[in-house]
Each structure stands twice: as C-alpha cells, then as structure tokens.
Amino acid sequence: MVVDAAGLPAKAVVPEPPSPQGSGPGGWIESTITELRRVVWPSRQQLISESVAVLLMVTISAAAIASLDRFFHWLSQLLFR
C-alpha cells in the first residue's frame, strides 16, 4: 500500500484523455476561435481612456527617468572635473 506524507493511503491520479478538439493544427485553430469568442472585449470608450492612461504614465515615467539621468550626468560632471 502506498501512503502519502500524512500517512493516508495515496489516491491514484488518472490523467484525462486528450481532447479531440485540440489535436492537430485544425483543432488548435478551432479551440483558439472558441476561446476568442469567450473574451469580453472592452468598449471603445474604455479602450481609449485606458490607452490614454497608459500613454500618460509612460510619458511621465520617461520624463522622470530622463530628469534623473540629466541630474546624475550634471552631478558626475561637477564631481569628476
């Protein structure tokens, strides 16, 4: 008898048989299309507002990194002349 770490009888794990839907390239395409139908796509307004938010945050982050880079460049020029 096989036991697990707790000393209880171990349960046999039976693998599921492969799905006929996912076998081969045609099955993969069919399952991909099925999954894409389940996706909840954003509305146009949500897409635009979230895209603007992402672009704004990227711009602010880039400006902050550029400012820090210029500051440290100025500081290194001042210290290592």
PDB file of N, CA and C in Angstrom:
ATOM      1  N   MET A   1       0.852  -1.173   0.000  1.00  0.00           N
ATOM      2  CA  MET A   1       0.000   0.000   0.000  1.00  0.00           C
ATOM      3  C   MET A   1       0.900   1.239   0.000  1.00  0.00           C
ATOM      4  N   VAL A   2       0.590   2.186  -0.874  1.00  0.00           N
ATOM      5  CA  VAL A   2       1.349   3.431  -0.966  1.00  0.00           C
ATOM      6  C   VAL A   2       0.646   4.468  -0.106  1.00  0.00           C
ATOM      7  N   VAL A   3       1.443   5.195   0.737  1.00  0.00           N
ATOM      8  CA  VAL A   3       0.874   6.228   1.583  1.00  0.00           C
ATOM      9  C   VAL A   3       1.501   7.564   1.242  1.00  0.00           C
ATOM     10  N   ASP A   4       0.764   8.652   1.524  1.00  0.00           N
ATOM     11  CA  ASP A   4       1.305   9.992   1.271  1.00  0.00           C
ATOM     12  C   ASP A   4       2.031  10.489   2.518  1.00  0.00           C
ATOM     13  N   ALA A   5       2.431  11.767   2.519  1.00  0.00           N
ATOM     14  CA  ALA A   5       3.221  12.324   3.617  1.00  0.00           C
ATOM     15  C   ALA A   5       2.452  12.318   4.938  1.00  0.00           C
ATOM     16  N   ALA A   6       1.129  12.364   4.898  1.00  0.00           N
ATOM     17  CA  ALA A   6       0.326  12.378   6.116  1.00  0.00           C
ATOM     18  C   ALA A   6       0.044  10.965   6.628  1.00  0.00           C
ATOM     19  N   GLY A   7       0.518   9.951   5.906  1.00  0.00           N
ATOM     20  CA  GLY A   7       0.295   8.580   6.323  1.00  0.00           C
ATOM     21  C   GLY A   7      -1.024   8.011   5.854  1.00  0.00           C
ATOM     22  N   LEU A   8      -1.737   8.742   5.007  1.00  0.00           N
ATOM     23  CA  LEU A   8      -3.007   8.270   4.478  1.00  0.00           C
ATOM     24  C   LEU A   8      -2.776   7.535   3.167  1.00  0.00           C
ATOM     25  N   PRO A   9      -3.674   6.636   2.811  1.00  0.00           N
ATOM     26  CA  PRO A   9      -3.498   5.936   1.535  1.00  0.00           C
ATOM     27  C   PRO A   9      -3.489   6.926   0.371  1.00  0.00           C
ATOM     28  N   ALA A  10      -2.521   6.769  -0.516  1.00  0.00           N
ATOM     29  CA  ALA A  10      -2.390   7.677  -1.661  1.00  0.00           C
ATOM     30  C   ALA A  10      -3.467   7.369  -2.678  1.00  0.00           C
ATOM     31  N   LYS A  11      -3.995   8.432  -3.283  1.00  0.00           N
ATOM     32  CA  LYS A  11      -5.018   8.262  -4.314  1.00  0.00           C
ATOM     33  C   LYS A  11      -4.337   8.232  -5.668  1.00  0.00           C
ATOM     34  N   ALA A  12      -4.807   7.363  -6.522  1.00  0.00           N
ATOM     35  CA  ALA A  12      -4.241   7.260  -7.866  1.00  0.00           C
ATOM     36  C   ALA A  12      -4.725   8.435  -8.703  1.00  0.00           C
ATOM     37  N   VAL A  13      -3.801   9.021  -9.444  1.00  0.00           N
ATOM     38  CA  VAL A  13      -4.134  10.126 -10.332  1.00  0.00           C
ATOM     39  C   VAL A  13      -4.286   9.563 -11.731  1.00  0.00           C
ATOM     40  N   VAL A  14      -5.483   9.695 -12.276  1.00  0.00           N
ATOM     41  CA  VAL A  14      -5.750   9.195 -13.616  1.00  0.00           C
ATOM     42  C   VAL A  14      -5.733  10.375 -14.565  1.00  0.00           C
ATOM     43  N   PRO A  15      -4.797  10.382 -15.539  1.00  0.00           N
ATOM     44  CA  PRO A  15      -4.756  11.518 -16.472  1.00  0.00           C
ATOM     45  C   PRO A  15      -5.985  11.519 -17.368  1.00  0.00           C
ATOM     46  N   GLU A  16      -6.422  12.752 -17.716  1.00  0.00           N
ATOM     47  CA  GLU A  16      -7.568  12.882 -18.612  1.00  0.00           C
ATOM     48  C   GLU A  16      -7.139  12.536 -20.031  1.00  0.00           C
ATOM     49  N   PRO A  17      -8.015  11.895 -20.781  1.00  0.00           N
ATOM     50  CA  PRO A  17      -7.655  11.593 -22.171  1.00  0.00           C
ATOM     51  C   PRO A  17      -7.569  12.891 -22.971  1.00  0.00           C
ATOM     52  N   PRO A  18      -6.691  12.929 -23.976  1.00  0.00           N
ATOM     53  CA  PRO A  18      -6.561  14.159 -24.764  1.00  0.00           C
ATOM     54  C   PRO A  18      -7.865  14.488 -25.477  1.00  0.00           C
ATOM     55  N   SER A  19      -8.154  15.786 -25.537  1.00  0.00           N
ATOM     56  CA  SER A  19      -9.367  16.258 -26.179  1.00  0.00           C
ATOM     57  C   SER A  19      -9.218  16.173 -27.698  1.00  0.00           C
ATOM     58  N   PRO A  20     -10.210  15.626 -28.406  1.00  0.00           N
ATOM     59  CA  PRO A  20     -10.112  15.574 -29.862  1.00  0.00           C
ATOM     60  C   PRO A  20     -10.153  16.962 -30.483  1.00  0.00           C
ATOM     61  N   GLN A  21     -10.702  17.939 -29.747  1.00  0.00           N
ATOM     62  CA  GLN A  21     -10.804  19.297 -30.270  1.00  0.00           C
ATOM     63  C   GLN A  21      -9.414  19.921 -30.420  1.00  0.00           C
ATOM     64  N   GLY A  22      -8.464  19.586 -29.542  1.00  0.00           N
ATOM     65  CA  GLY A  22      -7.158  20.225 -29.565  1.00  0.00           C
ATOM     66  C   GLY A  22      -6.108  19.468 -30.342  1.00  0.00           C
ATOM     67  N   SER A  23      -6.468  18.391 -31.028  1.00  0.00           N
ATOM     68  CA  SER A  23      -5.462  17.605 -31.725  1.00  0.00           C
ATOM     69  C   SER A  23      -5.263  18.115 -33.144  1.00  0.00           C
ATOM     70  N   GLY A  24      -4.011  18.378 -33.496  1.00  0.00           N
ATOM     71  CA  GLY A  24      -3.677  18.845 -34.839  1.00  0.00           C
ATOM     72  C   GLY A  24      -3.876  20.329 -35.013  1.00  0.00           C
ATOM     73  N   PRO A  25      -3.377  20.859 -36.139  1.00  0.00           N
ATOM     74  CA  PRO A  25      -3.499  22.301 -36.389  1.00  0.00           C
ATOM     75  C   PRO A  25      -4.937  22.771 -36.515  1.00  0.00           C
ATOM     76  N   GLY A  26      -5.798  21.984 -37.119  1.00  0.00           N
ATOM     77  CA  GLY A  26      -7.206  22.372 -37.269  1.00  0.00           C
ATOM     78  C   GLY A  26      -7.895  22.462 -35.924  1.00  0.00           C
ATOM     79  N   GLY A  27      -7.604  21.534 -35.035  1.00  0.00           N
ATOM     80  CA  GLY A  27      -8.174  21.562 -33.695  1.00  0.00           C
ATOM     81  C   GLY A  27      -7.670  22.749 -32.893  1.00  0.00           C
ATOM     82  N   TRP A  28      -6.398  23.085 -33.099  1.00  0.00           N
ATOM     83  CA  TRP A  28      -5.825  24.235 -32.394  1.00  0.00           C
ATOM     84  C   TRP A  28      -6.512  25.521 -32.839  1.00  0.00           C
ATOM     85  N   ILE A  29      -6.736  25.666 -34.139  1.00  0.00           N
ATOM     86  CA  ILE A  29      -7.404  26.862 -34.654  1.00  0.00           C
ATOM     87  C   ILE A  29      -8.833  26.925 -34.137  1.00  0.00           C
ATOM     88  N   GLU A  30      -9.513  25.786 -34.135  1.00  0.00           N
ATOM     89  CA  GLU A  30     -10.896  25.744 -33.650  1.00  0.00           C
ATOM     90  C   GLU A  30     -10.969  26.109 -32.166  1.00  0.00           C
ATOM     91  N   SER A  31     -10.047  25.587 -31.352  1.00  0.00           N
ATOM     92  CA  SER A  31     -10.070  25.909 -29.923  1.00  0.00           C
ATOM     93  C   SER A  31      -9.675  27.369 -29.686  1.00  0.00           C
ATOM     94  N   THR A  32      -8.799  27.910 -30.522  1.00  0.00           N
ATOM     95  CA  THR A  32      -8.430  29.323 -30.400  1.00  0.00           C
ATOM     96  C   THR A  32      -9.626  30.217 -30.702  1.00  0.00           C
ATOM     97  N   ILE A  33     -10.361  29.907 -31.750  1.00  0.00           N
ATOM     98  CA  ILE A  33     -11.550  30.688 -32.113  1.00  0.00           C
ATOM     99  C   ILE A  33     -12.594  30.593 -31.002  1.00  0.00           C
ATOM    100  N   THR A  34     -12.760  29.397 -30.424  1.00  0.00           N
ATOM    101  CA  THR A  34     -13.700  29.223 -29.320  1.00  0.00           C
ATOM    102  C   THR A  34     -13.308  30.091 -28.132  1.00  0.00           C
ATOM    103  N   GLU A  35     -12.016  30.122 -27.797  1.00  0.00           N
ATOM    104  CA  GLU A  35     -11.548  30.954 -26.677  1.00  0.00           C
ATOM    105  C   GLU A  35     -11.734  32.438 -26.977  1.00  0.00           C
ATOM    106  N   LEU A  36     -11.489  32.849 -28.221  1.00  0.00           N
ATOM    107  CA  LEU A  36     -11.649  34.261 -28.572  1.00  0.00           C
ATOM    108  C   LEU A  36     -13.107  34.703 -28.493  1.00  0.00           C
ATOM    109  N   ARG A  37     -14.044  33.788 -28.692  1.00  0.00           N
ATOM    110  CA  ARG A  37     -15.459  34.124 -28.557  1.00  0.00           C
ATOM    111  C   ARG A  37     -15.837  34.349 -27.095  1.00  0.00           C
ATOM    112  N   ARG A  38     -15.071  33.753 -26.177  1.00  0.00           N
ATOM    113  CA  ARG A  38     -15.354  33.904 -24.748  1.00  0.00           C
ATOM    114  C   ARG A  38     -14.778  35.198 -24.176  1.00  0.00           C
ATOM    115  N   VAL A  39     -13.904  35.854 -24.900  1.00  0.00           N
ATOM    116  CA  VAL A  39     -13.255  37.064 -24.409  1.00  0.00           C
ATOM    117  C   VAL A  39     -14.264  38.193 -24.295  1.00  0.00           C
ATOM    118  N   VAL A  40     -14.179  38.931 -23.197  1.00  0.00           N
ATOM    119  CA  VAL A  40     -15.016  40.117 -23.023  1.00  0.00           C
ATOM    120  C   VAL A  40     -14.189  41.301 -23.511  1.00  0.00           C
ATOM    121  N   TRP A  41     -14.505  41.794 -24.681  1.00  0.00           N
ATOM    122  CA  TRP A  41     -13.743  42.870 -25.287  1.00  0.00           C
ATOM    123  C   TRP A  41     -14.164  44.206 -24.681  1.00  0.00           C
ATOM    124  N   PRO A  42     -13.202  45.144 -24.524  1.00  0.00           N
ATOM    125  CA  PRO A  42     -13.555  46.446 -23.944  1.00  0.00           C
ATOM    126  C   PRO A  42     -14.352  47.293 -24.933  1.00  0.00           C
ATOM    127  N   SER A  43     -15.128  48.223 -24.372  1.00  0.00           N
ATOM    128  CA  SER A  43     -15.862  49.151 -25.233  1.00  0.00           C
ATOM    129  C   SER A  43     -14.871  50.162 -25.813  1.00  0.00           C
ATOM    130  N   ARG A  44     -15.310  50.888 -26.819  1.00  0.00           N
ATOM    131  CA  ARG A  44     -14.436  51.885 -27.452  1.00  0.00           C
ATOM    132  C   ARG A  44     -14.001  52.943 -26.436  1.00  0.00           C
ATOM    133  N   GLN A  45     -14.943  53.393 -25.596  1.00  0.00           N
ATOM    134  CA  GLN A  45     -14.632  54.411 -24.598  1.00  0.00           C
ATOM    135  C   GLN A  45     -13.618  53.881 -23.586  1.00  0.00           C
ATOM    136  N   GLN A  46     -13.779  52.652 -23.130  1.00  0.00           N
ATOM    137  CA  GLN A  46     -12.849  52.060 -22.182  1.00  0.00           C
ATOM    138  C   GLN A  46     -11.475  51.880 -22.821  1.00  0.00           C
ATOM    139  N   LEU A  47     -11.446  51.450 -24.072  1.00  0.00           N
ATOM    140  CA  LEU A  47     -10.189  51.270 -24.779  1.00  0.00           C
ATOM    141  C   LEU A  47      -9.431  52.585 -24.908  1.00  0.00           C
ATOM    142  N   ILE A  48     -10.136  53.645 -25.286  1.00  0.00           N
ATOM    143  CA  ILE A  48      -9.496  54.951 -25.457  1.00  0.00           C
ATOM    144  C   ILE A  48      -9.012  55.499 -24.120  1.00  0.00           C
ATOM    145  N   SER A  49      -9.852  55.438 -23.082  1.00  0.00           N
ATOM    146  CA  SER A  49      -9.453  56.008 -21.794  1.00  0.00           C
ATOM    147  C   SER A  49      -8.280  55.247 -21.181  1.00  0.00           C
ATOM    148  N   GLU A  50      -8.266  53.938 -21.296  1.00  0.00           N
ATOM    149  CA  GLU A  50      -7.150  53.169 -20.740  1.00  0.00           C
ATOM    150  C   GLU A  50      -5.885  53.346 -21.569  1.00  0.00           C
ATOM    151  N   SER A  51      -6.022  53.512 -22.877  1.00  0.00           N
ATOM    152  CA  SER A  51      -4.851  53.769 -23.718  1.00  0.00           C
ATOM    153  C   SER A  51      -4.235  55.126 -23.387  1.00  0.00           C
ATOM    154  N   VAL A  52      -5.088  56.124 -23.172  1.00  0.00           N
ATOM    155  CA  VAL A  52      -4.594  57.453 -22.786  1.00  0.00           C
ATOM    156  C   VAL A  52      -3.888  57.372 -21.432  1.00  0.00           C
ATOM    157  N   ALA A  53      -4.454  56.626 -20.490  1.00  0.00           N
ATOM    158  CA  ALA A  53      -3.826  56.473 -19.172  1.00  0.00           C
ATOM    159  C   ALA A  53      -2.455  55.811 -19.286  1.00  0.00           C
ATOM    160  N   VAL A  54      -2.355  54.796 -20.122  1.00  0.00           N
ATOM    161  CA  VAL A  54      -1.066  54.115 -20.308  1.00  0.00           C
ATOM    162  C   VAL A  54      -0.051  55.060 -20.947  1.00  0.00           C
ATOM    163  N   LEU A  55      -0.451  55.771 -21.987  1.00  0.00           N
ATOM    164  CA  LEU A  55       0.465  56.707 -22.644  1.00  0.00           C
ATOM    165  C   LEU A  55       0.913  57.814 -21.699  1.00  0.00           C
ATOM    166  N   LEU A  56      -0.006  58.304 -20.865  1.00  0.00           N
ATOM    167  CA  LEU A  56       0.334  59.333 -19.888  1.00  0.00           C
ATOM    168  C   LEU A  56       1.347  58.810 -18.870  1.00  0.00           C
ATOM    169  N   MET A  57       1.138  57.614 -18.358  1.00  0.00           N
ATOM    170  CA  MET A  57       2.069  57.047 -17.372  1.00  0.00           C
ATOM    171  C   MET A  57       3.430  56.756 -18.004  1.00  0.00           C
ATOM    172  N   VAL A  58       3.461  56.296 -19.238  1.00  0.00           N
ATOM    173  CA  VAL A  58       4.733  56.053 -19.918  1.00  0.00           C
ATOM    174  C   VAL A  58       5.486  57.363 -20.120  1.00  0.00           C
ATOM    175  N   THR A  59       4.760  58.415 -20.510  1.00  0.00           N
ATOM    176  CA  THR A  59       5.378  59.725 -20.711  1.00  0.00           C
ATOM    177  C   THR A  59       5.932  60.280 -19.405  1.00  0.00           C
ATOM    178  N   ILE A  60       5.158  60.178 -18.334  1.00  0.00           N
ATOM    179  CA  ILE A  60       5.619  60.666 -17.030  1.00  0.00           C
ATOM    180  C   ILE A  60       6.835  59.868 -16.560  1.00  0.00           C
ATOM    181  N   SER A  61       6.800  58.551 -16.727  1.00  0.00           N
ATOM    182  CA  SER A  61       7.931  57.708 -16.326  1.00  0.00           C
ATOM    183  C   SER A  61       9.174  58.042 -17.132  1.00  0.00           C
ATOM    184  N   ALA A  62       9.021  58.232 -18.439  1.00  0.00           N
ATOM    185  CA  ALA A  62      10.158  58.570 -19.286  1.00  0.00           C
ATOM    186  C   ALA A  62      10.742  59.928 -18.894  1.00  0.00           C
ATOM    187  N   ALA A  63       9.880  60.892 -18.584  1.00  0.00           N
ATOM    188  CA  ALA A  63      10.356  62.212 -18.165  1.00  0.00           C
ATOM    189  C   ALA A  63      11.094  62.125 -16.836  1.00  0.00           C
ATOM    190  N   ALA A  64      10.595  61.330 -15.909  1.00  0.00           N
ATOM    191  CA  ALA A  64      11.261  61.166 -14.612  1.00  0.00           C
ATOM    192  C   ALA A  64      12.626  60.506 -14.785  1.00  0.00           C
ATOM    193  N   ILE A  65      12.703  59.477 -15.605  1.00  0.00           N
ATOM    194  CA  ILE A  65      13.979  58.798 -15.837  1.00  0.00           C
ATOM    195  C   ILE A  65      14.957  59.735 -16.541  1.00  0.00           C
ATOM    196  N   ALA A  66      14.485  60.499 -17.521  1.00  0.00           N
ATOM    197  CA  ALA A  66      15.351  61.449 -18.224  1.00  0.00           C
ATOM    198  C   ALA A  66      15.843  62.529 -17.271  1.00  0.00           C
ATOM    199  N   SER A  67      14.973  63.009 -16.383  1.00  0.00           N
ATOM    200  CA  SER A  67      15.376  64.027 -15.412  1.00  0.00           C
ATOM    201  C   SER A  67      16.448  63.487 -14.471  1.00  0.00           C
ATOM    202  N   LEU A  68      16.254  62.274 -13.971  1.00  0.00           N
ATOM    203  CA  LEU A  68      17.268  61.671 -13.105  1.00  0.00           C
ATOM    204  C   LEU A  68      18.586  61.465 -13.843  1.00  0.00           C
ATOM    205  N   ASP A  69      18.499  61.049 -15.097  1.00  0.00           N
ATOM    206  CA  ASP A  69      19.701  60.849 -15.899  1.00  0.00           C
ATOM    207  C   ASP A  69      20.458  62.162 -16.081  1.00  0.00           C
ATOM    208  N   ARG A  70      19.747  63.224 -16.406  1.00  0.00           N
ATOM    209  CA  ARG A  70      20.398  64.531 -16.578  1.00  0.00           C
ATOM    210  C   ARG A  70      20.994  65.033 -15.268  1.00  0.00           C
ATOM    211  N   PHE A  71      20.261  64.817 -14.152  1.00  0.00           N
ATOM    212  CA  PHE A  71      20.773  65.248 -12.859  1.00  0.00           C
ATOM    213  C   PHE A  71      22.076  64.518 -12.517  1.00  0.00           C
ATOM    214  N   PHE A  72      22.089  63.199 -12.667  1.00  0.00           N
ATOM    215  CA  PHE A  72      23.294  62.440 -12.331  1.00  0.00           C
ATOM    216  C   PHE A  72      24.425  62.732 -13.304  1.00  0.00           C
ATOM    217  N   HIS A  73      24.107  63.028 -14.550  1.00  0.00           N
ATOM    218  CA  HIS A  73      25.141  63.428 -15.502  1.00  0.00           C
ATOM    219  C   HIS A  73      25.746  64.763 -15.063  1.00  0.00           C
ATOM    220  N   TRP A  74      24.891  65.720 -14.701  1.00  0.00           N
ATOM    221  CA  TRP A  74      25.373  67.015 -14.220  1.00  0.00           C
ATOM    222  C   TRP A  74      26.218  66.837 -12.960  1.00  0.00           C
ATOM    223  N   LEU A  75      25.762  65.995 -12.033  1.00  0.00           N
ATOM    224  CA  LEU A  75      26.483  65.764 -10.787  1.00  0.00           C
ATOM    225  C   LEU A  75      27.830  65.105 -11.042  1.00  0.00           C
ATOM    226  N   SER A  76      27.869  64.148 -11.943  1.00  0.00           N
ATOM    227  CA  SER A  76      29.148  63.484 -12.241  1.00  0.00           C
ATOM    228  C   SER A  76      30.110  64.460 -12.930  1.00  0.00           C
ATOM    229  N   GLN A  77      29.612  65.344 -13.789  1.00  0.00           N
ATOM    230  CA  GLN A  77      30.458  66.342 -14.424  1.00  0.00           C
ATOM    231  C   GLN A  77      31.030  67.302 -13.382  1.00  0.00           C
ATOM    232  N   LEU A  78      30.231  67.632 -12.390  1.00  0.00           N
ATOM    233  CA  LEU A  78      30.646  68.542 -11.327  1.00  0.00           C
ATOM    234  C   LEU A  78      31.700  67.893 -10.439  1.00  0.00           C
ATOM    235  N   LEU A  79      31.519  66.617 -10.122  1.00  0.00           N
ATOM    236  CA  LEU A  79      32.424  65.933  -9.191  1.00  0.00           C
ATOM    237  C   LEU A  79      33.719  65.458  -9.845  1.00  0.00           C
ATOM    238  N   PHE A  80      33.691  65.071 -11.101  1.00  0.00           N
ATOM    239  CA  PHE A  80      34.859  64.438 -11.735  1.00  0.00           C
ATOM    240  C   PHE A  80      35.554  65.316 -12.750  1.00  0.00           C
ATOM    241  N   ARG A  81      35.508  66.626 -12.585  1.00  0.00           N
ATOM    242  CA  ARG A  81      36.239  67.512 -13.495  1.00  0.00           C
ATOM    243  C   ARG A  81      37.675  67.564 -13.159  1.00  0.00           C
TER     244      ARG A  81
END
